[in-house]
């Protein structure tokens, strides 16, 4: 369930299912009452999967289920199909939840039932709401501030659990969370897993549904799924198979395909592949869309990227060479960025940056992003995986499949981008503008400082839930204080409190100049000290 820069590479959730769960964060996802809750779970009780399986089996038998080798075999197959993190998540006291998980996973085998889902009520939860009311202090001459008092009103939220299963695929978590938000639900916890045979098992604990009964919630989910029919199954819907999602006017090419040679595949994704090649003798990168996987969304992003690349020309934006959208050839050709992505440079090649290099890379990113914003373009998926390095170590902004021209009202599609770098207003489905890119830059700046992946102990969705609650990455020690201040202002929760890239650039340049002066003074002092010894 991962969103990647052209499905080519980037964050830890890229190229694999977003449901693939690292160890759960006990603070963000305690799930005391959820089906996946670890509360009194069996993760700490025994050795391997068979231990947990046996405990679940014995509990089910004690609860009245018929004992037998068939039930035990079914449970063993279920646990072997899921990752270790699922075992750690199982609550032995709620062993029947495992049977619910089995049932929904089995239903998801039928393409016509995807996504399979089930809904249940969990509990009522107290919610304290502060109310400002008029006090008796509004007598003549009383101060306005004294005339207002705040009291706390207790109300109750209905907490439900929604369990989904379908074929695991890119952007599935974004689809599911957008679906929940579409009907007014707020995600409180998320427990996400991928099976060994490519299915998702996603458990959401939500509030926002006003009543305890689940029939209405179930029907609302069905309606929302039907509105997006064709985007859920692992294969394309029958409608999309009957006709490809492009029109005759989309057939164009500004390259001579006879001059294009594909040399070496460097990345693969669900929608296509990335190649190194040559065009008219020049080394190039070629994004090749797979016609067999075309659907409306993929085609729209592909065309959008072409349109955006045609509009931009800057030293810190990847250079566009040409494209072809004449079936069956679907190409986007850009300059060859021989050093790969900043993500690979930091996390796969394990480079740790000194301050001058960090500042140079940060300025490269800001110069490119400032140029885009001046042209009214919001990138919407700024992250280290979409920042590429050329042979001279110049960082350039790439991948414009999700980029959009900002409209006058700033009303943009929600949940666009990649969770670990996504601004809270985007996660919360609120209107947003170019300041969402500034938030994402703060996470990139943190990566440059630490050479670590943001929230690397969490799943992408757990990170998103945390960001909504105010979570930010831990501030690294021994970091330049002005850089820390800048980073914290860039990831402010309120977008208007964040600086623009136009404002960030001179600030970074000043830090850079200060560092150079300090370095020069230190070198001169060492030289003077050496001379005095002589």
Protein backbone atom coordinates (compact mmCIF):
# COMPACT_ATOMS: atom_id res chain seq x y z
CA UNK A 1 0.00 0.00 0.00
CA UNK A 2 2.72 2.43 -0.77
CA UNK A 3 2.89 5.69 -2.63
CA UNK A 4 6.20 6.23 -4.34
CA UNK A 5 7.81 8.75 -6.58
CA UNK A 6 6.73 7.12 -9.80
CA UNK A 7 6.75 3.82 -7.87
CA UNK A 8 10.48 3.98 -8.20
CA UNK A 9 11.94 4.33 -4.74
CA UNK A 10 12.01 6.49 -1.70
CA UNK A 11 10.79 5.96 1.82
CA UNK A 12 10.60 2.75 3.82
CA UNK A 13 6.99 2.28 2.78
CA UNK A 14 7.85 2.62 -0.87
CA UNK A 15 7.99 -0.39 -3.08
CA UNK A 16 6.36 -2.53 -0.37
CA UNK A 17 2.93 -2.58 1.17
CA UNK A 18 2.25 0.25 3.59
CA UNK A 19 0.63 -2.45 5.70
CA UNK A 20 3.98 -4.12 6.33
CA UNK A 21 4.31 -3.38 9.99
CA UNK A 22 7.48 -2.66 11.94
CA UNK A 23 7.24 -3.11 15.72
CA UNK A 24 4.24 -1.21 17.03
CA UNK A 25 4.67 1.99 18.94
CA UNK A 26 3.07 1.32 22.34
CA UNK A 27 2.29 5.01 22.92
CA UNK A 28 0.45 5.67 19.69
CA UNK A 29 -1.32 2.35 19.29
CA UNK A 30 -2.10 0.78 22.65
CA UNK A 31 -5.46 -0.53 21.36
CA UNK A 32 -6.77 -1.65 24.73
CA UNK A 33 -10.10 -2.65 23.24
CA UNK A 34 -9.32 -3.10 19.57
CA UNK A 35 -9.26 -6.50 17.94
CA UNK A 36 -5.55 -6.08 17.37
CA UNK A 37 -4.93 -4.64 20.83
CA UNK A 38 -1.92 -5.86 22.69
CA UNK A 39 -3.37 -4.85 26.06
CA UNK A 40 -3.04 -8.23 27.76
CA UNK A 41 -1.83 -9.74 24.55
CA UNK A 42 0.12 -12.88 23.99
CA UNK A 43 3.18 -11.32 22.41
CA UNK A 44 5.14 -11.50 25.62
CA UNK A 45 3.87 -14.89 26.75
CA UNK A 46 5.74 -17.42 24.77
CA UNK A 47 8.17 -18.43 22.12
CA UNK A 48 7.08 -18.61 18.52
CA UNK A 49 3.97 -18.45 16.42
CA UNK A 50 2.86 -21.93 17.50
CA UNK A 51 2.80 -20.81 21.16
CA UNK A 52 0.41 -17.96 20.42
CA UNK A 53 -1.57 -20.18 18.10
CA UNK A 54 -1.93 -22.83 20.81
CA UNK A 55 -3.05 -20.24 23.38
CA UNK A 56 -5.69 -18.88 20.99
CA UNK A 57 -6.82 -22.42 20.22
CA UNK A 58 -7.14 -23.33 23.91
CA UNK A 59 -9.00 -20.12 24.70
CA UNK A 60 -11.47 -20.75 21.84
CA UNK A 61 -12.08 -24.29 23.06
CA UNK A 62 -12.66 -23.03 26.59
CA UNK A 63 -15.14 -20.50 25.17
CA UNK A 64 -17.19 -23.29 23.59
CA UNK A 65 -15.71 -23.77 20.13
CA UNK A 66 -15.41 -27.37 19.04
CA UNK A 67 -11.88 -28.68 19.55
CA UNK A 68 -10.23 -30.56 16.73
CA UNK A 69 -7.24 -30.77 14.44
CA UNK A 70 -9.11 -28.83 11.73
CA UNK A 71 -9.51 -25.72 13.89
CA UNK A 72 -5.89 -25.89 15.02
CA UNK A 73 -4.66 -26.31 11.43
CA UNK A 74 -6.71 -23.30 10.33
CA UNK A 75 -5.22 -21.19 13.11
CA UNK A 76 -1.68 -22.31 12.30
CA UNK A 77 -2.16 -21.43 8.64
CA UNK A 78 -3.56 -18.03 9.64
CA UNK A 79 -0.64 -17.11 11.90
CA UNK A 80 1.94 -18.39 9.41
CA UNK A 81 0.37 -16.15 6.77
CA UNK A 82 0.90 -12.98 8.82
CA UNK A 83 4.03 -11.19 10.09
CA UNK A 84 5.55 -11.45 13.56
CA UNK A 85 4.05 -8.06 14.43
CA UNK A 86 0.58 -9.60 14.13
CA UNK A 87 1.49 -12.21 16.76
CA UNK A 88 2.65 -9.41 19.05
CA UNK A 89 -0.65 -7.61 18.49
CA UNK A 90 -2.95 -10.50 19.35
CA UNK A 91 -4.91 -10.23 22.59
CA UNK A 92 -5.37 -13.73 23.98
CA UNK A 93 -8.33 -12.52 26.07
CA UNK A 94 -10.06 -11.64 22.78
CA UNK A 95 -9.21 -14.85 20.93
CA UNK A 96 -12.42 -14.76 18.89
CA UNK A 97 -11.06 -11.66 17.14
CA UNK A 98 -8.66 -13.99 15.32
CA UNK A 99 -11.65 -15.80 13.82
CA UNK A 100 -13.04 -12.46 12.62
CA UNK A 101 -9.70 -11.69 10.98
CA UNK A 102 -9.74 -15.10 9.28
CA UNK A 103 -13.28 -14.52 8.02
CA UNK A 104 -12.55 -11.11 6.51
CA UNK A 105 -9.32 -12.33 4.89
CA UNK A 106 -11.26 -15.22 3.37
CA UNK A 107 -13.94 -12.88 2.01
CA UNK A 108 -11.24 -10.75 0.38
CA UNK A 109 -10.32 -13.71 -1.83
CA UNK A 110 -13.43 -12.88 -3.87
CA UNK A 111 -12.65 -9.89 -6.16
CA UNK A 112 -16.30 -8.82 -6.09
CA UNK A 113 -16.20 -8.40 -2.30
CA UNK A 114 -13.07 -6.26 -2.07
CA UNK A 115 -12.51 -4.53 0.14
CA UNK A 116 -14.07 -7.00 2.56
CA UNK A 117 -14.85 -5.28 5.82
CA UNK A 118 -16.62 -5.63 9.13
CA UNK A 119 -17.77 -3.04 11.67
CA UNK A 120 -18.39 -3.33 15.39
CA UNK A 121 -19.00 -1.02 18.34
CA UNK A 122 -16.25 -1.03 20.99
CA UNK A 123 -17.08 1.42 23.76
CA UNK A 124 -18.21 4.85 24.88
CA UNK A 125 -15.38 7.23 25.68
CA UNK A 126 -15.58 10.38 27.75
CA UNK A 127 -14.72 13.61 25.98
CA UNK A 128 -14.23 16.81 27.97
CA UNK A 129 -15.20 19.94 26.04
CA UNK A 130 -14.36 23.40 27.36
CA UNK A 131 -17.24 25.83 27.00
CA UNK A 132 -16.93 29.61 27.35
CA UNK A 133 -20.04 31.07 28.93
CA UNK A 134 -21.23 34.37 30.33
CA UNK A 135 -20.78 34.59 34.10
CA UNK A 136 -22.61 36.75 36.56
CA UNK A 137 -19.76 39.24 36.28
CA UNK A 138 -21.44 41.14 33.47
CA UNK A 139 -22.66 43.78 35.88
CA UNK A 140 -22.08 47.37 34.87
CA UNK A 141 -18.42 48.26 35.06
CA UNK A 142 -17.17 44.67 35.05
CA UNK A 143 -14.19 43.88 32.84
CA UNK A 144 -14.99 41.93 29.67
CA UNK A 145 -12.42 39.31 30.61
CA UNK A 146 -14.11 38.85 33.97
CA UNK A 147 -17.46 38.44 32.26
CA UNK A 148 -16.38 35.19 30.64
CA UNK A 149 -15.81 31.93 32.42
CA UNK A 150 -14.83 28.51 31.16
CA UNK A 151 -16.47 25.32 32.29
CA UNK A 152 -15.82 21.76 31.27
CA UNK A 153 -18.67 19.76 29.79
CA UNK A 154 -18.45 15.98 29.63
CA UNK A 155 -19.78 14.29 26.51
CA UNK A 156 -19.29 10.84 25.07
CA UNK A 157 -17.80 9.60 21.80
CA UNK A 158 -18.84 6.31 20.27
CA UNK A 159 -15.76 4.27 19.45
CA UNK A 160 -16.03 1.76 16.63
CA UNK A 161 -13.63 -0.71 15.05
CA UNK A 162 -13.48 -1.20 11.28
CA UNK A 163 -11.53 -4.11 9.84
CA UNK A 164 -10.60 -4.12 6.13
CA UNK A 165 -9.00 -6.72 3.90
CA UNK A 166 -8.20 -6.52 0.20
CA UNK A 167 -5.30 -7.03 -2.18
CA UNK A 168 -2.32 -5.07 -0.90
CA UNK A 169 -1.31 -2.37 -3.39
CA UNK A 170 0.14 1.14 -3.70
CA UNK A 171 -1.75 3.92 -1.89
CA UNK A 172 -4.23 1.54 -0.22
CA UNK A 173 -3.78 3.14 3.19
CA UNK A 174 -4.43 6.56 1.68
CA UNK A 175 -7.59 5.21 0.04
CA UNK A 176 -8.86 3.61 3.23
CA UNK A 177 -8.13 6.58 5.46
CA UNK A 178 -9.71 8.94 2.92
CA UNK A 179 -12.77 6.68 2.80
CA UNK A 180 -13.12 6.87 6.60
CA UNK A 181 -12.66 10.62 6.62
CA UNK A 182 -15.21 10.98 3.81
CA UNK A 183 -17.97 9.78 6.12
CA UNK A 184 -16.79 11.87 9.06
CA UNK A 185 -14.69 9.35 10.97
CA UNK A 186 -11.48 10.18 12.83
CA UNK A 187 -8.76 7.54 13.11
CA UNK A 188 -7.66 7.06 16.71
CA UNK A 189 -5.55 3.93 16.23
CA UNK A 190 -4.43 1.83 13.30
CA UNK A 191 -2.99 -1.68 13.18
CA UNK A 192 -1.86 -2.68 9.71
CA UNK A 193 -0.42 -5.92 8.37
CA UNK A 194 0.36 -7.60 5.06
CA UNK A 195 0.01 -11.33 4.46
CA UNK A 196 2.65 -13.41 2.77
CA UNK A 197 0.36 -13.85 -0.25
CA UNK A 198 -0.27 -10.14 -0.82
CA UNK A 199 -3.41 -9.27 1.13
CA UNK A 200 -3.90 -6.49 3.65
CA UNK A 201 -5.37 -6.75 7.12
CA UNK A 202 -6.06 -3.23 8.39
CA UNK A 203 -7.74 -2.53 11.74
CA UNK A 204 -8.92 1.04 12.42
CA UNK A 205 -10.26 2.30 15.74
CA UNK A 206 -12.36 5.38 14.98
CA UNK A 207 -14.71 7.91 16.47
CA UNK A 208 -17.06 10.33 14.74
CA UNK A 209 -20.05 8.02 14.18
CA UNK A 210 -22.76 9.52 16.43
CA UNK A 211 -24.57 6.34 17.54
CA UNK A 212 -23.71 2.89 18.83
CA UNK A 213 -25.50 0.85 16.18
CA UNK A 214 -23.36 -0.30 13.29
CA UNK A 215 -25.88 -0.91 10.48
CA UNK A 216 -25.84 2.73 9.39
CA UNK A 217 -22.06 2.87 9.52
CA UNK A 218 -21.82 -0.31 7.49
CA UNK A 219 -24.14 1.10 4.82
CA UNK A 220 -22.24 4.42 4.74
CA UNK A 221 -19.01 2.54 4.08
CA UNK A 222 -20.66 0.52 1.32
CA UNK A 223 -21.88 3.70 -0.39
CA UNK A 224 -18.44 5.32 -0.15
CA UNK A 225 -16.78 2.22 -1.60
CA UNK A 226 -19.25 2.12 -4.48
CA UNK A 227 -18.47 5.75 -5.28
CA UNK A 228 -14.88 4.66 -5.87
CA UNK A 229 -15.65 1.38 -7.61
CA UNK A 230 -12.76 0.14 -9.71
CA UNK A 231 -9.99 1.39 -7.43
CA UNK A 232 -10.20 -1.36 -4.82
CA UNK A 233 -9.51 -4.74 -6.36
CA UNK A 234 -6.01 -5.98 -7.07
CA UNK A 235 -6.89 -6.11 -10.76
CA UNK A 236 -8.79 -3.60 -12.81
CA UNK A 237 -12.56 -3.50 -12.79
CA UNK A 238 -14.53 -4.86 -15.72
CA UNK A 239 -15.32 -1.30 -16.80
CA UNK A 240 -11.66 -0.31 -16.92
CA UNK A 241 -10.83 -3.46 -18.89
CA UNK A 242 -13.33 -2.52 -21.59
CA UNK A 243 -11.70 0.83 -22.35
CA UNK A 244 -8.37 2.43 -21.59
CA UNK A 245 -8.54 5.73 -19.66
CA UNK A 246 -7.22 8.02 -22.37
CA UNK A 247 -8.74 9.86 -25.29
CA UNK A 248 -7.51 10.35 -28.84
CA UNK A 249 -6.34 13.88 -28.03
CA UNK A 250 -3.94 12.37 -25.48
CA UNK A 251 -1.97 10.68 -28.27
CA UNK A 252 1.12 12.80 -28.75
CA UNK A 253 4.87 12.63 -28.75
CA UNK A 254 7.55 15.30 -28.66
CA UNK A 255 10.35 12.77 -29.13
CA UNK A 256 11.47 10.53 -31.95
CA UNK A 257 11.10 7.13 -30.32
CA UNK A 258 13.57 5.67 -32.84
CA UNK A 259 16.32 7.65 -31.07
CA UNK A 260 15.41 6.24 -27.65
CA UNK A 261 17.23 3.20 -26.29
CA UNK A 262 16.37 1.58 -22.97
CA UNK A 263 19.57 0.16 -21.46
CA UNK A 264 19.06 -0.90 -17.86
CA UNK A 265 16.02 -1.20 -15.59
CA UNK A 266 16.79 0.46 -12.25
CA UNK A 267 13.42 0.31 -10.47
CA UNK A 268 10.02 -1.36 -10.79
CA UNK A 269 6.63 -0.40 -9.44
CA UNK A 270 3.02 -1.46 -9.75
CA UNK A 271 2.39 1.06 -12.53
CA UNK A 272 5.59 0.85 -14.52
CA UNK A 273 9.36 0.81 -14.54
CA UNK A 274 12.28 3.23 -14.49
CA UNK A 275 15.13 2.74 -16.95
CA UNK A 276 18.49 4.25 -17.66
CA UNK A 277 18.90 4.77 -21.37
CA UNK A 278 20.06 7.07 -24.11
CA UNK A 279 18.20 9.54 -26.28
CA UNK A 280 19.97 10.91 -29.29
CA UNK A 281 23.25 9.94 -27.65
CA UNK A 282 22.53 11.59 -24.26
CA UNK A 283 22.22 9.54 -21.08
CA UNK A 284 18.66 9.84 -19.80
CA UNK A 285 16.21 8.44 -17.27
CA UNK A 286 13.02 6.98 -18.71
CA UNK A 287 9.80 6.34 -16.84
CA UNK A 288 7.84 3.67 -18.72
CA UNK A 289 4.17 3.19 -17.92
CA UNK A 290 2.85 -0.36 -18.19
CA UNK A 291 -0.27 -0.34 -20.42
CA UNK A 292 -1.63 -3.42 -18.67
CA UNK A 293 -1.88 -1.54 -15.38
CA UNK A 294 -3.47 1.64 -16.67
CA UNK A 295 -6.43 3.10 -14.84
CA UNK A 296 -7.87 6.59 -14.60
CA UNK A 297 -5.78 7.67 -11.59
CA UNK A 298 -2.48 6.32 -12.95
CA UNK A 299 -3.08 7.91 -16.33
CA UNK A 300 -4.05 11.24 -14.75
CA UNK A 301 -0.85 11.36 -12.68
CA UNK A 302 1.26 10.40 -15.69
CA UNK A 303 -0.24 13.17 -17.84
CA UNK A 304 -0.02 15.62 -14.94
CA UNK A 305 3.69 14.96 -14.53
CA UNK A 306 4.28 15.62 -18.23
CA UNK A 307 2.30 18.87 -18.11
CA UNK A 308 4.17 20.10 -15.04
CA UNK A 309 7.62 19.23 -16.38
CA UNK A 310 6.88 21.19 -19.53
CA UNK A 311 6.20 24.27 -17.40
CA UNK A 312 9.44 24.33 -15.39
CA UNK A 313 13.07 25.17 -16.12
CA UNK A 314 15.43 25.67 -13.18
CA UNK A 315 18.88 24.36 -12.12
CA UNK A 316 17.29 22.66 -9.11
CA UNK A 317 14.42 21.03 -11.01
CA UNK A 318 15.07 17.81 -12.92
CA UNK A 319 15.35 18.71 -16.63
CA UNK A 320 12.56 17.47 -18.88
CA UNK A 321 13.62 16.09 -22.28
CA UNK A 322 10.43 14.74 -23.78
CA UNK A 323 7.52 12.32 -23.61
CA UNK A 324 5.43 9.92 -25.61
CA UNK A 325 1.79 9.02 -24.97
CA UNK A 326 1.05 7.12 -28.16
CA UNK A 327 -0.12 3.57 -27.32
CA UNK A 328 1.53 1.27 -26.63
CA UNK A 329 4.50 3.58 -25.84
CA UNK A 330 4.20 5.65 -22.66
CA UNK A 331 7.44 7.43 -21.78
CA UNK A 332 8.65 10.37 -19.71
CA UNK A 333 12.28 11.20 -20.42
CA UNK A 334 14.36 13.36 -18.09
CA UNK A 335 18.04 14.02 -17.56
CA UNK A 336 20.03 11.24 -15.97
CA UNK A 337 20.60 11.92 -12.27
CA UNK A 338 23.50 9.54 -11.83
CA UNK A 339 23.79 9.70 -8.04
CA UNK A 340 20.22 8.55 -7.44
CA UNK A 341 17.83 9.86 -4.80
CA UNK A 342 18.67 11.71 -1.62
CA UNK A 343 16.87 8.91 0.21
CA UNK A 344 19.32 6.34 -1.16
CA UNK A 345 22.27 8.65 -0.50
CA UNK A 346 21.31 9.04 3.17
CA UNK A 347 19.69 5.78 4.13
CA UNK A 348 20.98 3.08 1.77
CA UNK A 349 24.51 4.41 1.29
CA UNK A 350 24.62 5.54 4.94
CA UNK A 351 26.20 8.94 4.31
CA UNK A 352 26.42 11.35 7.25
CA UNK A 353 26.57 14.99 6.18
CA UNK A 354 28.88 17.65 7.51
CA UNK A 355 27.37 21.11 8.04
CA UNK A 356 28.56 22.66 4.72
CA UNK A 357 27.12 19.75 2.69
CA UNK A 358 23.89 19.77 4.70
CA UNK A 359 23.41 23.49 4.06
CA UNK A 360 24.23 23.13 0.35
CA UNK A 361 21.68 20.32 -0.09
CA UNK A 362 19.04 22.22 1.90
CA UNK A 363 19.58 25.35 -0.22
CA UNK A 364 19.33 23.33 -3.44
CA UNK A 365 15.94 22.01 -2.31
CA UNK A 366 14.71 25.45 -1.26
CA UNK A 367 15.82 27.10 -4.51
CA UNK A 368 13.89 24.52 -6.53
CA UNK A 369 10.81 24.69 -4.33
CA UNK A 370 10.81 28.50 -4.24
CA UNK A 371 10.82 28.49 -8.04
CA UNK A 372 7.85 26.09 -8.13
CA UNK A 373 5.86 28.16 -5.65
CA UNK A 374 6.55 31.35 -7.58
CA UNK A 375 4.97 29.63 -10.59
CA UNK A 376 1.96 28.66 -8.47
CA UNK A 377 2.88 24.96 -8.33
CA UNK A 378 2.52 22.91 -5.15
CA UNK A 379 4.57 19.71 -5.26
CA UNK A 380 2.43 17.82 -2.71
CA UNK A 381 4.89 14.92 -2.32
CA UNK A 382 8.17 16.53 -1.28
CA UNK A 383 10.42 13.92 0.35
CA UNK A 384 13.96 12.62 0.07
CA UNK A 385 12.87 9.93 -2.42
CA UNK A 386 11.77 12.67 -4.84
CA UNK A 387 15.01 14.66 -4.54
CA UNK A 388 17.70 13.50 -6.95
CA UNK A 389 21.47 14.06 -7.10
CA UNK A 390 23.38 14.64 -10.33
CA UNK A 391 27.03 13.78 -10.92
CA UNK A 392 28.08 17.11 -9.38
CA UNK A 393 26.00 16.49 -6.23
CA UNK A 394 23.43 19.13 -7.15
CA UNK A 395 20.05 18.28 -5.61
CA UNK A 396 17.06 18.61 -7.94
CA UNK A 397 13.34 18.30 -7.25
CA UNK A 398 11.69 15.49 -9.23
CA UNK A 399 8.48 13.54 -9.68
CA UNK A 400 5.57 15.83 -10.42
CA UNK A 401 2.85 13.18 -10.70
CA UNK A 402 1.04 14.66 -7.69
CA UNK A 403 1.95 18.31 -8.28
CA UNK A 404 -0.87 20.77 -8.89
CA UNK A 405 -1.35 24.43 -9.68
CA UNK A 406 -2.73 26.04 -6.56
CA UNK A 407 -6.25 27.29 -7.13
CA UNK A 408 -7.48 30.56 -5.71
CA UNK A 409 -9.16 29.04 -2.67
CA UNK A 410 -6.39 26.66 -1.75
CA UNK A 411 -8.88 23.76 -1.76
CA UNK A 412 -6.78 20.74 -2.67
CA UNK A 413 -7.33 16.98 -2.65
CA UNK A 414 -6.79 15.56 0.82
CA UNK A 415 -4.36 12.79 1.83
CA UNK A 416 -2.03 13.41 -1.09
CA UNK A 417 1.62 12.55 -0.66
CA UNK A 418 3.50 10.17 1.61
CA UNK A 419 2.52 9.86 5.26
CA UNK A 420 5.94 10.29 6.90
CA UNK A 421 6.40 13.67 5.20
CA UNK A 422 2.75 14.75 5.04
CA UNK A 423 1.58 17.99 6.66
CA UNK A 424 -1.07 17.69 9.40
CA UNK A 425 -3.59 19.80 7.50
CA UNK A 426 -3.35 17.38 4.57
CA UNK A 427 -3.78 14.37 6.87
CA UNK A 428 -6.77 16.07 8.47
CA UNK A 429 -8.46 16.70 5.11
CA UNK A 430 -8.39 20.45 5.59
CA UNK A 431 -7.81 23.03 2.85
CA UNK A 432 -4.10 23.56 2.30
CA UNK A 433 -1.67 25.57 0.23
CA UNK A 434 2.05 25.80 -0.53
CA UNK A 435 2.89 25.77 3.19
CA UNK A 436 2.21 22.00 3.11
CA UNK A 437 5.44 21.70 1.07
CA UNK A 438 7.28 23.74 3.71
CA UNK A 439 6.21 21.24 6.37
CA UNK A 440 7.53 18.40 4.20
CA UNK A 441 10.81 20.27 3.80
CA UNK A 442 11.16 20.32 7.60
CA UNK A 443 11.14 16.51 7.57
CA UNK A 444 13.72 16.50 4.77
CA UNK A 445 15.87 18.91 6.79
CA UNK A 446 15.58 16.54 9.76
CA UNK A 447 16.75 13.70 7.50
CA UNK A 448 19.75 15.75 6.39
CA UNK A 449 20.63 16.38 10.04
CA UNK A 450 20.22 12.81 11.27
CA UNK A 451 20.59 10.51 8.22
CA UNK A 452 17.56 8.68 9.66
CA UNK A 453 14.11 7.89 8.28
CA UNK A 454 11.34 9.88 9.97
CA UNK A 455 9.34 7.80 12.47
CA UNK A 456 11.22 4.65 11.46
CA UNK A 457 9.79 2.57 14.33
CA UNK A 458 6.21 3.19 13.16
CA UNK A 459 4.10 2.21 10.22
CA UNK A 460 3.23 5.12 7.90
CA UNK A 461 -0.31 5.32 9.25
CA UNK A 462 0.83 5.22 12.88
CA UNK A 463 3.11 8.15 12.04
CA UNK A 464 0.17 10.01 10.48
CA UNK A 465 -2.00 9.47 13.56
CA UNK A 466 0.86 10.74 15.71
CA UNK A 467 1.38 13.86 13.59
CA UNK A 468 -2.31 14.70 13.94
CA UNK A 469 -1.77 14.54 17.71
CA UNK A 470 1.28 16.86 17.56
CA UNK A 471 4.05 14.28 17.19
CA UNK A 472 7.30 15.44 15.55
CA UNK A 473 10.67 13.69 15.19
CA UNK A 474 13.07 13.93 18.11
CA UNK A 475 15.41 16.91 17.84
CA UNK A 476 18.97 15.65 17.21
CA UNK A 477 21.66 16.60 19.69
CA UNK A 478 24.60 18.83 18.82
CA UNK A 479 22.78 20.40 15.88
CA UNK A 480 23.24 24.00 14.85
CA UNK A 481 20.70 25.93 17.01
CA UNK A 482 19.58 28.14 14.13
CA UNK A 483 18.84 25.07 12.03
CA UNK A 484 16.78 23.58 14.85
CA UNK A 485 14.83 26.83 15.15
CA UNK A 486 14.22 26.92 11.40
CA UNK A 487 13.12 23.29 11.29
CA UNK A 488 10.68 23.76 14.16
CA UNK A 489 9.13 26.82 12.50
CA UNK A 490 8.77 24.87 9.25
CA UNK A 491 6.82 22.06 10.92
CA UNK A 492 4.50 24.28 12.95
CA UNK A 493 0.97 22.86 13.12
CA UNK A 494 -0.53 26.14 11.88
CA UNK A 495 0.46 26.65 8.22
CA UNK A 496 0.52 30.47 8.46
CA UNK A 497 3.18 30.20 11.19
CA UNK A 498 5.58 28.52 8.76
CA UNK A 499 8.02 30.61 6.68
CA UNK A 500 7.94 30.53 2.90
CA UNK A 501 10.81 29.11 0.86
CA UNK A 502 11.55 32.65 -0.25
CA UNK A 503 12.11 33.53 3.42
CA UNK A 504 14.02 30.33 4.22
CA UNK A 505 16.67 30.82 1.52
CA UNK A 506 18.34 33.98 2.94
CA UNK A 507 18.21 32.46 6.40
CA UNK A 508 20.06 29.36 5.21
CA UNK A 509 22.52 31.52 3.28
CA UNK A 510 23.25 33.51 6.43
CA UNK A 511 23.84 30.32 8.43
CA UNK A 512 26.10 29.12 5.63
CA UNK A 513 28.11 32.38 5.63
CA UNK A 514 28.39 32.29 9.42
CA UNK A 515 29.66 28.70 9.30
CA UNK A 516 32.23 29.64 6.66
CA UNK A 517 33.46 32.57 8.77
CA UNK A 518 33.71 30.38 11.85
CA UNK A 519 35.59 27.74 9.88
CA UNK A 520 37.97 30.37 8.47
CA UNK A 521 38.62 31.86 11.90
CA UNK A 522 39.30 28.41 13.33
CA UNK A 523 41.76 27.61 10.52
CA UNK A 524 43.54 30.93 11.02
CA UNK A 525 43.81 30.35 14.78
CA UNK A 526 45.28 26.89 14.22
CA UNK A 527 47.74 28.30 11.69
CA UNK A 528 48.79 31.09 14.07
CA UNK A 529 49.21 28.59 16.87
CA UNK A 530 51.40 26.41 14.66
CA UNK A 531 53.57 29.37 13.66
CA UNK A 532 54.06 30.45 17.28
CA UNK A 533 55.36 27.00 18.10
CA UNK A 534 57.90 27.27 15.29
